[in-house]
Amino acid sequence: MTIDDLAAYLQVSKSSLYKLAQEGRVPGRKVGRHWRFLRTTIDEWLGQSLKEQVK
């Protein structure tokens, strides 16, 4: 997924995602100048985040 795809998927701004990705708070990889994200990894990350919030 591109940053645009992820922004639409998570319904957050691209600027927020850039900041989170650079801080390592959202799982992704930088390929050249562009960020890429795996949907399966994002889904797992979301699931873990929800579990932590419930505790």
C-alpha atoms as a PDB file:
ATOM      1  CA  MET A   1       0.000   0.000   0.000  1.00  0.00           C
ATOM      2  CA  THR A   2       1.136   3.552  -0.620  1.00  0.00           C
ATOM      3  CA  ILE A   3       0.800   6.345   1.900  1.00  0.00           C
ATOM      4  CA  ASP A   4      -2.321   7.497   0.011  1.00  0.00           C
ATOM      5  CA  ASP A   5      -3.849   4.008   0.191  1.00  0.00           C
ATOM      6  CA  LEU A   6      -3.103   3.721   3.905  1.00  0.00           C
ATOM      7  CA  ALA A   7      -4.458   7.187   4.649  1.00  0.00           C
ATOM      8  CA  ALA A   8      -7.753   6.234   3.004  1.00  0.00           C
ATOM      9  CA  TYR A   9      -7.796   2.812   4.710  1.00  0.00           C
ATOM     10  CA  LEU A  10      -7.198   4.255   8.195  1.00  0.00           C
ATOM     11  CA  GLN A  11      -9.062   7.505   7.520  1.00  0.00           C
ATOM     12  CA  VAL A  12      -6.225   9.676   8.780  1.00  0.00           C
ATOM     13  CA  SER A  13      -4.239  12.429   7.107  1.00  0.00           C
ATOM     14  CA  LYS A  14      -1.120  11.702   5.091  1.00  0.00           C
ATOM     15  CA  SER A  15       0.881  14.128   7.224  1.00  0.00           C
ATOM     16  CA  SER A  16      -0.036  12.164  10.361  1.00  0.00           C
ATOM     17  CA  LEU A  17       1.011   8.913   8.697  1.00  0.00           C
ATOM     18  CA  TYR A  18       4.335  10.340   7.543  1.00  0.00           C
ATOM     19  CA  LYS A  19       5.079  11.402  11.108  1.00  0.00           C
ATOM     20  CA  LEU A  20       4.025   8.032  12.581  1.00  0.00           C
ATOM     21  CA  ALA A  21       6.044   6.105   9.991  1.00  0.00           C
ATOM     22  CA  GLN A  22       9.170   8.190  10.553  1.00  0.00           C
ATOM     23  CA  GLU A  23       8.854   7.640  14.312  1.00  0.00           C
ATOM     24  CA  GLY A  24       8.425   3.887  13.771  1.00  0.00           C
ATOM     25  CA  ARG A  25       4.964   3.917  15.340  1.00  0.00           C
ATOM     26  CA  VAL A  26       3.282   2.425  12.261  1.00  0.00           C
ATOM     27  CA  PRO A  27       4.845  -0.591  10.508  1.00  0.00           C
ATOM     28  CA  GLY A  28       6.184   0.266   7.075  1.00  0.00           C
ATOM     29  CA  ARG A  29       9.259   0.453   4.891  1.00  0.00           C
ATOM     30  CA  LYS A  30      10.774   3.299   2.982  1.00  0.00           C
ATOM     31  CA  VAL A  31      11.614   2.337  -0.595  1.00  0.00           C
ATOM     32  CA  GLY A  32      13.692   5.116  -2.045  1.00  0.00           C
ATOM     33  CA  ARG A  33      11.737   8.251  -1.199  1.00  0.00           C
ATOM     34  CA  HIS A  34       8.391   6.468  -0.838  1.00  0.00           C
ATOM     35  CA  TRP A  35       6.773   4.641   2.074  1.00  0.00           C
ATOM     36  CA  ARG A  36       5.172   1.226   1.520  1.00  0.00           C
ATOM     37  CA  PHE A  37       2.933  -0.732   3.864  1.00  0.00           C
ATOM     38  CA  LEU A  38       1.616  -4.310   3.845  1.00  0.00           C
ATOM     39  CA  ARG A  39      -2.123  -4.535   4.503  1.00  0.00           C
ATOM     40  CA  THR A  40      -1.711  -7.766   6.495  1.00  0.00           C
ATOM     41  CA  THR A  41       0.913  -6.152   8.719  1.00  0.00           C
ATOM     42  CA  ILE A  42      -1.272  -3.074   9.223  1.00  0.00           C
ATOM     43  CA  ASP A  43      -4.242  -5.276  10.147  1.00  0.00           C
ATOM     44  CA  GLU A  44      -2.123  -7.182  12.692  1.00  0.00           C
ATOM     45  CA  TRP A  45      -0.795  -3.898  14.096  1.00  0.00           C
ATOM     46  CA  LEU A  46      -4.340  -2.586  14.480  1.00  0.00           C
ATOM     47  CA  GLY A  47      -5.428  -5.801  16.202  1.00  0.00           C
ATOM     48  CA  GLN A  48      -2.559  -5.585  18.674  1.00  0.00           C
ATOM     49  CA  SER A  49      -3.305  -1.932  19.365  1.00  0.00           C
ATOM     50  CA  LEU A  50      -6.925  -2.749  20.131  1.00  0.00           C
ATOM     51  CA  LYS A  51      -5.945  -5.588  22.460  1.00  0.00           C
ATOM     52  CA  GLU A  52      -3.608  -3.277  24.365  1.00  0.00           C
ATOM     53  CA  GLN A  53      -6.346  -0.669  24.761  1.00  0.00           C
ATOM     54  CA  VAL A  54      -8.760  -3.229  26.231  1.00  0.00           C
ATOM     55  CA  LYS A  55      -6.313  -4.277  28.979  1.00  0.00           C
END
